Amino acid sequence: MISTGEFSSIYERPVELLQRLIQFNTTNPPGNESECISFINDLLKMAGIETNILSYKPERPNIVARLHGQGQSPPLLLYGHVDVVTTENQQWQHPPFEGKIKDGFVWGRGALDMKAGLSMMLAAFLRAKAENLKLPGDVILAFVSDEETLGELGARHLVKNHSDLFDGVRYAIGEFGGFTFYVGNRRFYPIMVTEKQVCWMKATVRGQGGHGSIPVRGGAMAKLSQLLHQLDKHRLPVHVTPAARLMVKTMASSLGGLPGFILNQLTNPVLTDWVLNLLGERGRMFDPLFHNTVSATILHGVDKINVIPNELSVELDGRLLPGYSPDDMIAELHQIIGNEVEIEVIRHDPGPVTLDMGLFNTLAEILREADPDGIPVPFLLSGTTDGRLFSQLGIQTYGFLPMQLPEDFNFTGTIHAADERIPIEAVNFGTNAIYKLIQRFGE
């Protein structure tokens, strides 16, 4: 339990709040988010905010709190997850659960994904309460467990069993967006407006088996090798979705000249792959925004060294673009790996179906005020978030955790990696931006 004195103005110190959140080891699995949620619950209750603790399992709780507005506009939802990925087999410069401040950064697991975002939201939420902000509509805060393993005990549990808490919500902010990235001499702020879908599959090949002492040519192992080679060699077909088109058009217009002209060709399906190759390493960020993708991740076979398997399978982490189905993915895969390979869908999580840009201009204006040289752009996320689950309630999520980052800071390469960290100033930057959103939402 934290003291009232310690609490009194912690909303003014989001960096300290982040440090405290990092110090809870919420590695998932197993999660053990309860102490972290309890800490957040104490802060909210001391501020006089009513909370709900909602759990599918007691040790994996979720918390929902609400600031009541004047009923003049729909509620705004702020949500995020308290669990983090493992640090196993990683070499860190500083202990990953210490929340150490060094060289102008807060270091620790979750600094980017996504305890910095939680501290921003929580500080802004508490500040709105402390300053008795007159809200046109309610503001709902929901912090969940279990996002890193697809949210069964977190967002999915809330959506399935406590959907009434989100009645009337049209817009939400969450991960992943608002961080800076640089192209040429321009600084962009991608705001996530939609995301890809999980489409996990298992591909199985069969062939002659036997004793390891009598070699087999062209068997299951050779077929698996060919399958993996084809996946490595070939992209799936190009698709230009509305979100990707908006992002590229905005960036190309801002860049201008030859760089802008070349980037704009990404939206021409005939030239997309050529431009991606031309962009080199930078193209890796854009590549999954124009293709359904698969990554081979888990192999299954026999466990005897002297047995030639007659059946082998590989699990594929597939990601579908908005508007496409598992049948589309399977048809595209068969074009590359042939029809002899058996493909089975083992999990499909549909993502947002519609693209509602109604809040985008407000978010973009907040960023432009905070950084006049920055350029907000719509962003299609190549991964997935809990946004796909809240979309089942008709809620449009915007990835909006603003972070002004140094040009040499590798944001995507630091998430889930050793030495995860965030600049102190980025935490303050994001907190102020989210508070401005709370102030303006519904005006």
Protein backbone atom coordinates (compact mmCIF):
# COMPACT_ATOMS: atom_id res chain seq x y z
CA MET A 1 0.00 0.00 0.00
CA ILE A 2 1.38 3.40 -0.92
CA SER A 3 1.09 6.40 1.37
CA THR A 4 -1.15 9.40 0.75
CA GLY A 5 1.87 11.70 0.83
CA GLU A 6 3.66 9.65 -1.78
CA PHE A 7 0.58 9.76 -3.98
CA SER A 8 -0.38 13.42 -3.68
CA SER A 9 1.19 14.69 -6.87
CA ILE A 10 2.53 11.60 -8.60
CA TYR A 11 0.53 12.51 -11.70
CA GLU A 12 3.05 15.34 -12.13
CA ARG A 13 5.86 12.78 -12.21
CA PRO A 14 5.06 10.29 -15.00
CA VAL A 15 8.72 9.23 -15.21
CA GLU A 16 8.67 8.14 -11.57
CA LEU A 17 5.39 6.38 -12.25
CA LEU A 18 7.04 4.51 -15.11
CA GLN A 19 9.90 3.46 -12.88
CA ARG A 20 7.48 2.03 -10.36
CA LEU A 21 5.57 0.11 -13.02
CA ILE A 22 8.77 -1.38 -14.47
CA GLN A 23 9.71 -2.66 -11.02
CA PHE A 24 6.77 -5.08 -11.09
CA ASN A 25 7.95 -8.19 -12.93
CA THR A 26 4.92 -8.95 -15.07
CA THR A 27 6.67 -11.25 -17.53
CA ASN A 28 4.07 -13.24 -19.44
CA PRO A 29 4.06 -16.15 -19.07
CA PRO A 30 3.26 -16.51 -16.23
CA GLY A 31 2.09 -12.88 -15.95
CA ASN A 32 1.57 -12.35 -12.22
CA GLU A 33 0.10 -8.93 -12.94
CA SER A 34 -1.84 -8.73 -9.65
CA GLU A 35 0.70 -6.65 -7.68
CA CYS A 36 1.04 -4.14 -10.50
CA ILE A 37 -2.74 -3.85 -10.88
CA SER A 38 -3.07 -3.47 -7.09
CA PHE A 39 -0.59 -0.58 -7.15
CA ILE A 40 -2.56 1.14 -9.91
CA ASN A 41 -5.80 0.48 -8.04
CA ASP A 42 -4.39 2.13 -4.89
CA LEU A 43 -3.45 5.24 -6.85
CA LEU A 44 -6.87 5.53 -8.41
CA LYS A 45 -8.79 4.94 -5.19
CA MET A 46 -6.68 7.49 -3.29
CA ALA A 47 -7.68 9.98 -5.96
CA GLY A 48 -11.31 9.24 -5.22
CA ILE A 49 -11.90 7.29 -8.41
CA GLU A 50 -14.15 4.25 -8.35
CA THR A 51 -12.53 1.13 -9.82
CA ASN A 52 -13.56 -2.34 -10.94
CA ILE A 53 -11.20 -5.31 -10.65
CA LEU A 54 -12.31 -7.95 -13.14
CA SER A 55 -10.54 -11.29 -13.37
CA TYR A 56 -10.90 -14.55 -15.21
CA LYS A 57 -8.15 -15.80 -12.89
CA PRO A 58 -7.43 -14.02 -9.56
CA GLU A 59 -3.71 -13.76 -10.26
CA ARG A 60 -4.36 -12.23 -13.71
CA PRO A 61 -6.63 -9.24 -13.00
CA ASN A 62 -7.79 -6.32 -15.10
CA ILE A 63 -8.82 -2.89 -13.86
CA VAL A 64 -11.40 -0.47 -15.24
CA ALA A 65 -11.97 3.05 -13.89
CA ARG A 66 -14.12 5.96 -15.05
CA LEU A 67 -14.13 9.74 -14.80
CA HIS A 68 -17.69 10.95 -15.21
CA GLY A 69 -18.39 13.67 -17.74
CA GLN A 70 -21.40 15.81 -18.47
CA GLY A 71 -23.02 13.41 -20.92
CA GLN A 72 -22.55 15.71 -23.89
CA SER A 73 -20.40 13.30 -25.89
CA PRO A 74 -19.67 9.56 -26.03
CA PRO A 75 -17.05 8.12 -23.64
CA LEU A 76 -13.38 8.02 -24.57
CA LEU A 77 -11.47 4.82 -23.75
CA LEU A 78 -7.78 4.76 -22.77
CA TYR A 79 -6.43 1.23 -22.52
CA GLY A 80 -3.19 -0.72 -22.30
CA HIS A 81 -1.58 -3.88 -20.97
CA VAL A 82 0.60 -4.37 -17.90
CA ASP A 83 2.24 -7.65 -18.95
CA VAL A 84 5.62 -7.76 -20.68
CA VAL A 85 7.68 -10.29 -22.64
CA THR A 86 10.55 -12.31 -21.24
CA THR A 87 14.11 -11.13 -20.69
CA GLU A 88 15.44 -14.70 -20.74
CA ASN A 89 18.78 -15.16 -22.54
CA GLN A 90 19.21 -11.41 -23.01
CA GLN A 91 22.25 -9.46 -21.85
CA TRP A 92 21.20 -6.13 -20.31
CA GLN A 93 23.41 -3.18 -19.37
CA HIS A 94 21.12 -2.47 -16.41
CA PRO A 95 18.77 -4.81 -14.52
CA PRO A 96 15.56 -5.09 -16.53
CA PHE A 97 13.19 -4.67 -13.57
CA GLU A 98 14.96 -1.85 -11.76
CA GLY A 99 13.62 1.11 -13.74
CA LYS A 100 17.02 2.75 -13.67
CA ILE A 101 17.55 6.27 -15.03
CA LYS A 102 20.79 6.57 -16.95
CA ASP A 103 21.98 8.83 -19.78
CA GLY A 104 18.58 10.51 -20.03
CA PHE A 105 16.68 7.25 -20.46
CA VAL A 106 14.47 5.07 -18.26
CA TRP A 107 15.74 1.50 -18.70
CA GLY A 108 13.76 -1.66 -18.20
CA ARG A 109 11.47 -4.28 -19.64
CA GLY A 110 8.26 -2.62 -20.69
CA ALA A 111 9.79 0.86 -21.01
CA LEU A 112 8.39 0.98 -24.55
CA ASP A 113 5.92 -1.91 -24.61
CA MET A 114 3.99 -0.60 -22.91
CA LYS A 115 4.51 0.66 -19.38
CA ALA A 116 5.56 4.09 -20.63
CA GLY A 117 2.16 4.28 -22.31
CA LEU A 118 0.47 3.20 -19.08
CA SER A 119 2.29 5.87 -17.10
CA MET A 120 1.28 8.52 -19.67
CA MET A 121 -2.37 7.51 -19.57
CA LEU A 122 -2.47 7.08 -15.80
CA ALA A 123 -0.77 10.42 -15.11
CA ALA A 124 -3.10 12.25 -17.51
CA PHE A 125 -6.15 10.50 -16.04
CA LEU A 126 -5.15 11.35 -12.45
CA ARG A 127 -4.39 14.93 -13.44
CA ALA A 128 -7.84 15.33 -14.96
CA LYS A 129 -9.33 14.17 -11.67
CA ALA A 130 -7.05 16.35 -9.53
CA GLU A 131 -7.82 19.46 -11.58
CA ASN A 132 -11.55 18.65 -11.67
CA LEU A 133 -11.52 18.88 -15.44
CA LYS A 134 -14.96 19.49 -16.94
CA LEU A 135 -15.35 16.58 -19.31
CA PRO A 136 -17.98 16.61 -22.07
CA GLY A 137 -18.14 12.82 -21.83
CA ASP A 138 -16.86 10.05 -19.60
CA VAL A 139 -13.23 8.96 -19.80
CA ILE A 140 -12.65 5.25 -19.17
CA LEU A 141 -9.29 3.78 -18.19
CA ALA A 142 -8.77 0.04 -18.72
CA PHE A 143 -5.49 -1.71 -17.93
CA VAL A 144 -5.41 -5.39 -18.76
CA SER A 145 -3.34 -8.52 -18.32
CA ASP A 146 -2.23 -11.08 -20.86
CA GLU A 147 -1.93 -9.03 -24.07
CA GLU A 148 1.42 -10.57 -24.96
CA THR A 149 -0.21 -14.00 -25.30
CA LEU A 150 -3.24 -12.81 -27.27
CA GLY A 151 -5.34 -11.41 -24.44
CA GLU A 152 -7.50 -14.37 -23.48
CA LEU A 153 -7.49 -13.36 -19.80
CA GLY A 154 -7.40 -9.64 -20.47
CA ALA A 155 -9.15 -7.70 -23.21
CA ARG A 156 -10.97 -10.74 -24.57
CA HIS A 157 -12.39 -11.45 -21.10
CA LEU A 158 -13.59 -7.83 -20.76
CA VAL A 159 -15.11 -7.76 -24.24
CA LYS A 160 -16.86 -11.09 -23.79
CA ASN A 161 -18.07 -10.77 -20.20
CA HIS A 162 -18.10 -7.07 -19.29
CA SER A 163 -18.98 -5.31 -22.53
CA ASP A 164 -21.51 -3.11 -20.71
CA LEU A 165 -18.62 -1.13 -19.21
CA PHE A 166 -17.83 0.14 -22.71
CA ASP A 167 -21.33 1.01 -23.84
CA GLY A 168 -21.34 4.03 -26.13
CA VAL A 169 -17.58 4.09 -26.70
CA ARG A 170 -16.71 4.88 -30.30
CA TYR A 171 -13.03 5.84 -30.02
CA ALA A 172 -10.12 4.57 -27.95
CA ILE A 173 -6.40 5.14 -27.76
CA GLY A 174 -3.88 2.42 -27.09
CA GLU A 175 -0.71 1.05 -28.60
CA PHE A 176 1.04 1.30 -31.13
CA GLY A 177 1.71 4.71 -32.59
CA GLY A 178 2.76 8.29 -31.99
CA PHE A 179 6.50 7.50 -31.89
CA THR A 180 8.78 9.39 -34.24
CA PHE A 181 10.57 7.97 -37.24
CA TYR A 182 12.60 9.77 -39.85
CA VAL A 183 12.64 9.65 -43.63
CA GLY A 184 15.04 12.00 -45.36
CA ASN A 185 15.11 15.15 -43.27
CA ARG A 186 11.49 14.84 -42.14
CA ARG A 187 10.16 13.68 -38.78
CA PHE A 188 6.95 11.66 -38.95
CA TYR A 189 4.51 10.56 -36.24
CA PRO A 190 2.61 7.43 -37.34
CA ILE A 191 -0.80 7.17 -35.67
CA MET A 192 -2.11 3.62 -35.90
CA VAL A 193 -5.58 3.55 -37.44
CA THR A 194 -5.87 -0.19 -38.11
CA GLU A 195 -3.87 -3.40 -37.81
CA LYS A 196 -3.27 -6.74 -39.44
CA GLN A 197 -4.95 -9.98 -38.38
CA VAL A 198 -3.50 -13.08 -36.77
CA CYS A 199 -3.74 -16.06 -39.12
CA TRP A 200 -1.64 -18.92 -37.74
CA MET A 201 -1.34 -22.02 -39.85
CA LYS A 202 0.30 -25.41 -40.02
CA ALA A 203 1.77 -26.63 -43.31
CA THR A 204 2.32 -30.38 -43.63
CA VAL A 205 4.37 -32.33 -46.17
CA ARG A 206 4.57 -36.09 -46.61
CA GLY A 207 6.95 -38.49 -48.31
CA GLN A 208 8.62 -41.85 -48.04
CA GLY A 209 10.04 -42.61 -44.60
CA GLY A 210 12.34 -45.33 -43.39
CA HIS A 211 15.49 -46.22 -41.53
CA GLY A 212 18.14 -43.54 -41.31
CA SER A 213 20.79 -45.90 -42.65
CA ILE A 214 19.06 -46.07 -46.04
CA PRO A 215 18.82 -42.55 -47.50
CA VAL A 216 15.62 -41.34 -49.16
CA ARG A 217 15.68 -38.80 -51.98
CA GLY A 218 12.77 -36.43 -52.43
CA GLY A 219 11.13 -37.37 -49.14
CA ALA A 220 9.31 -35.22 -46.59
CA MET A 221 12.51 -33.52 -45.45
CA ALA A 222 13.38 -32.47 -48.99
CA LYS A 223 9.84 -31.22 -49.55
CA LEU A 224 9.99 -29.22 -46.32
CA SER A 225 13.29 -27.71 -47.39
CA GLN A 226 11.76 -26.70 -50.72
CA LEU A 227 8.72 -25.21 -48.96
CA LEU A 228 10.89 -23.07 -46.68
CA HIS A 229 13.06 -22.00 -49.60
CA GLN A 230 10.02 -20.87 -51.59
CA LEU A 231 8.68 -18.87 -48.65
CA ASP A 232 12.07 -17.24 -48.21
CA LYS A 233 12.40 -16.43 -51.91
CA HIS A 234 8.92 -15.12 -52.75
CA ARG A 235 6.62 -12.43 -51.38
CA LEU A 236 2.88 -12.96 -51.40
CA PRO A 237 0.95 -10.73 -53.85
CA VAL A 238 0.76 -6.96 -53.39
CA HIS A 239 -2.39 -5.40 -51.92
CA VAL A 240 -2.83 -1.66 -51.40
CA THR A 241 -5.25 -1.11 -48.52
CA PRO A 242 -6.87 2.26 -47.78
CA ALA A 243 -4.78 2.74 -44.63
CA ALA A 244 -1.48 2.02 -46.38
CA ARG A 245 -2.44 4.31 -49.26
CA LEU A 246 -3.25 7.16 -46.84
CA MET A 247 0.05 6.71 -45.03
CA VAL A 248 2.18 6.69 -48.18
CA LYS A 249 0.33 9.57 -49.86
CA THR A 250 0.78 11.76 -46.76
CA MET A 251 4.47 10.94 -46.44
CA ALA A 252 5.17 11.34 -50.16
CA SER A 253 3.47 14.73 -50.23
CA SER A 254 5.53 15.90 -47.25
CA LEU A 255 8.82 14.67 -48.70
CA GLY A 256 8.25 16.10 -52.17
CA GLY A 257 10.74 15.92 -55.03
CA LEU A 258 12.27 12.66 -56.21
CA PRO A 259 12.08 10.93 -52.76
CA GLY A 260 8.37 11.69 -52.56
CA PHE A 261 7.79 10.54 -56.13
CA ILE A 262 9.57 7.22 -55.50
CA LEU A 263 7.79 6.59 -52.21
CA ASN A 264 4.43 7.30 -53.82
CA GLN A 265 5.03 4.45 -56.27
CA LEU A 266 4.47 2.03 -53.38
CA THR A 267 0.77 2.52 -54.03
CA ASN A 268 1.15 1.30 -57.62
CA PRO A 269 0.89 -2.52 -57.34
CA VAL A 270 2.99 -2.97 -60.47
CA LEU A 271 5.90 -1.10 -58.87
CA THR A 272 5.43 -1.82 -55.14
CA ASP A 273 7.94 -4.64 -54.82
CA TRP A 274 10.48 -2.83 -56.99
CA VAL A 275 10.31 0.23 -54.71
CA LEU A 276 10.56 -1.95 -51.60
CA ASN A 277 13.75 -3.49 -52.96
CA LEU A 278 15.07 -0.04 -53.83
CA LEU A 279 14.45 1.19 -50.27
CA GLY A 280 16.63 -1.60 -48.84
CA GLU A 281 16.56 -1.83 -45.05
CA ARG A 282 14.05 1.02 -44.82
CA GLY A 283 11.75 -1.04 -47.01
CA ARG A 284 11.43 -3.67 -44.28
CA MET A 285 9.04 -1.37 -42.41
CA PHE A 286 6.81 -0.91 -45.44
CA ASP A 287 6.94 -4.45 -46.82
CA PRO A 288 4.32 -6.07 -44.51
CA LEU A 289 1.96 -3.12 -45.08
CA PHE A 290 1.48 -4.23 -48.71
CA HIS A 291 1.43 -8.02 -48.38
CA ASN A 292 -0.14 -10.78 -46.39
CA THR A 293 2.89 -12.36 -44.70
CA VAL A 294 4.01 -15.67 -43.25
CA SER A 295 6.99 -16.52 -41.09
CA ALA A 296 8.01 -20.12 -40.42
CA THR A 297 8.47 -20.47 -36.67
CA ILE A 298 7.98 -24.00 -35.27
CA LEU A 299 8.98 -27.32 -36.81
CA HIS A 300 7.37 -30.69 -36.00
CA GLY A 301 8.85 -34.09 -36.93
CA VAL A 302 10.19 -37.27 -35.37
CA ASP A 303 12.46 -37.30 -32.33
CA LYS A 304 14.60 -40.27 -33.36
CA ILE A 305 17.87 -39.65 -35.19
CA ASN A 306 17.71 -43.00 -36.97
CA VAL A 307 14.20 -42.53 -38.38
CA ILE A 308 13.51 -40.78 -41.70
CA PRO A 309 10.14 -39.06 -41.18
CA ASN A 310 7.29 -39.62 -43.58
CA GLU A 311 5.48 -36.51 -42.32
CA LEU A 312 6.76 -33.11 -41.26
CA SER A 313 4.99 -29.88 -40.48
CA VAL A 314 5.91 -26.29 -39.88
CA GLU A 315 3.83 -23.70 -38.06
CA LEU A 316 3.49 -20.41 -39.86
CA ASP A 317 2.88 -17.07 -38.19
CA GLY A 318 0.60 -15.55 -40.80
CA ARG A 319 -0.60 -11.93 -40.75
CA LEU A 320 -3.49 -10.83 -42.92
CA LEU A 321 -4.11 -7.34 -44.20
CA PRO A 322 -7.43 -5.73 -43.28
CA GLY A 323 -10.22 -6.97 -45.53
CA TYR A 324 -8.61 -10.34 -46.33
CA SER A 325 -9.52 -13.81 -45.07
CA PRO A 326 -7.69 -17.05 -44.27
CA ASP A 327 -8.98 -18.46 -47.57
CA ASP A 328 -7.18 -15.61 -49.36
CA MET A 329 -3.98 -16.44 -47.48
CA ILE A 330 -4.17 -20.15 -48.30
CA ALA A 331 -4.83 -19.48 -51.98
CA GLU A 332 -1.83 -17.13 -52.16
CA LEU A 333 0.41 -19.64 -50.38
CA HIS A 334 -0.54 -22.46 -52.74
CA GLN A 335 0.56 -20.27 -55.66
CA ILE A 336 4.05 -20.22 -54.13
CA ILE A 337 4.50 -23.60 -52.44
CA GLY A 338 2.28 -25.77 -54.62
CA ASN A 339 -0.87 -27.73 -53.98
CA GLU A 340 0.76 -30.83 -52.48
CA VAL A 341 1.34 -29.02 -49.20
CA GLU A 342 -1.55 -29.36 -46.77
CA ILE A 343 -2.34 -26.04 -45.04
CA GLU A 344 -4.48 -25.88 -41.93
CA VAL A 345 -5.55 -22.70 -40.12
CA ILE A 346 -4.96 -23.15 -36.40
CA ARG A 347 -5.95 -19.67 -35.25
CA HIS A 348 -7.56 -16.65 -36.87
CA ASP A 349 -8.24 -13.44 -34.95
CA PRO A 350 -10.18 -11.04 -37.19
CA GLY A 351 -9.14 -7.41 -36.93
CA PRO A 352 -11.03 -4.15 -37.39
CA VAL A 353 -13.31 -4.25 -40.41
CA THR A 354 -14.01 -0.57 -40.99
CA LEU A 355 -11.65 2.40 -40.97
CA ASP A 356 -13.07 5.32 -38.99
CA MET A 357 -10.85 8.41 -39.24
CA GLY A 358 -13.13 10.63 -37.16
CA LEU A 359 -10.63 11.27 -34.35
CA PHE A 360 -7.50 11.39 -36.49
CA ASN A 361 -7.47 15.14 -37.11
CA THR A 362 -7.74 15.89 -33.39
CA LEU A 363 -4.79 13.60 -32.61
CA ALA A 364 -2.78 15.03 -35.50
CA GLU A 365 -3.40 18.60 -34.38
CA ILE A 366 -2.22 17.79 -30.84
CA LEU A 367 1.03 16.43 -32.26
CA ARG A 368 1.53 19.38 -34.59
CA GLU A 369 1.14 21.77 -31.66
CA ALA A 370 3.64 19.79 -29.59
CA ASP A 371 6.11 19.52 -32.49
CA PRO A 372 5.50 21.99 -35.33
CA ASP A 373 8.14 20.24 -37.44
CA GLY A 374 6.52 16.84 -36.99
CA ILE A 375 4.18 15.31 -39.56
CA PRO A 376 1.39 13.00 -38.30
CA VAL A 377 0.49 10.18 -40.70
CA PRO A 378 -2.07 7.35 -40.59
CA PHE A 379 -0.42 4.02 -39.90
CA LEU A 380 -1.29 0.38 -40.59
CA LEU A 381 0.33 -1.80 -37.91
CA SER A 382 1.94 -4.99 -39.18
CA GLY A 383 1.35 -6.69 -35.81
CA THR A 384 -1.74 -7.00 -33.65
CA THR A 385 -2.96 -5.36 -30.45
CA ASP A 386 -5.96 -5.61 -28.18
CA GLY A 387 -7.56 -3.21 -30.63
CA ARG A 388 -8.78 -6.20 -32.64
CA LEU A 389 -10.76 -7.33 -29.59
CA PHE A 390 -12.26 -3.97 -28.69
CA SER A 391 -13.23 -3.57 -32.35
CA GLN A 392 -15.79 -6.32 -31.74
CA LEU A 393 -17.69 -3.73 -29.69
CA GLY A 394 -17.56 -1.21 -32.54
CA ILE A 395 -14.64 0.69 -30.98
CA GLN A 396 -12.05 2.30 -33.27
CA THR A 397 -8.61 2.23 -31.67
CA TYR A 398 -5.92 4.75 -32.52
CA GLY A 399 -2.36 3.86 -31.63
CA PHE A 400 -1.49 7.10 -29.84
CA LEU A 401 1.29 7.00 -27.25
CA PRO A 402 3.29 10.02 -28.44
CA MET A 403 7.05 9.79 -28.05
CA GLN A 404 9.49 12.28 -29.54
CA LEU A 405 12.58 10.15 -30.08
CA PRO A 406 16.14 10.89 -31.24
CA GLU A 407 16.82 10.23 -34.91
CA ASP A 408 19.37 7.53 -34.08
CA PHE A 409 17.01 5.66 -31.73
CA ASN A 410 15.83 2.34 -33.17
CA PHE A 411 12.29 2.15 -31.78
CA THR A 412 11.13 -1.10 -33.36
CA GLY A 413 14.50 -2.77 -32.76
CA THR A 414 14.44 -1.90 -29.05
CA ILE A 415 10.97 -3.25 -28.24
CA HIS A 416 11.16 -6.79 -26.76
CA ALA A 417 14.97 -6.61 -26.95
CA ALA A 418 17.72 -6.25 -24.37
CA ASP A 419 18.24 -2.70 -23.08
CA GLU A 420 14.68 -1.61 -23.76
CA ARG A 421 14.50 2.05 -22.75
CA ILE A 422 12.78 5.35 -23.40
CA PRO A 423 14.01 8.94 -23.22
CA ILE A 424 12.75 10.77 -20.14
CA GLU A 425 11.52 13.64 -22.27
CA ALA A 426 9.49 11.26 -24.43
CA VAL A 427 7.47 10.21 -21.38
CA ASN A 428 6.65 13.82 -20.51
CA PHE A 429 5.89 14.59 -24.16
CA GLY A 430 3.36 11.77 -24.38
CA THR A 431 1.73 12.54 -21.05
CA ASN A 432 1.04 16.12 -22.08
CA ALA A 433 -0.36 15.01 -25.44
CA ILE A 434 -2.76 12.52 -23.86
CA TYR A 435 -3.90 15.12 -21.32
CA LYS A 436 -4.67 17.50 -24.17
CA LEU A 437 -6.76 14.77 -25.80
CA ILE A 438 -8.76 14.30 -22.59
CA GLN A 439 -9.29 18.06 -22.47
CA ARG A 440 -10.46 18.31 -26.08
CA PHE A 441 -12.33 15.10 -26.70
CA GLY A 442 -15.98 15.78 -27.44
CA GLU A 443 -15.59 19.54 -27.80
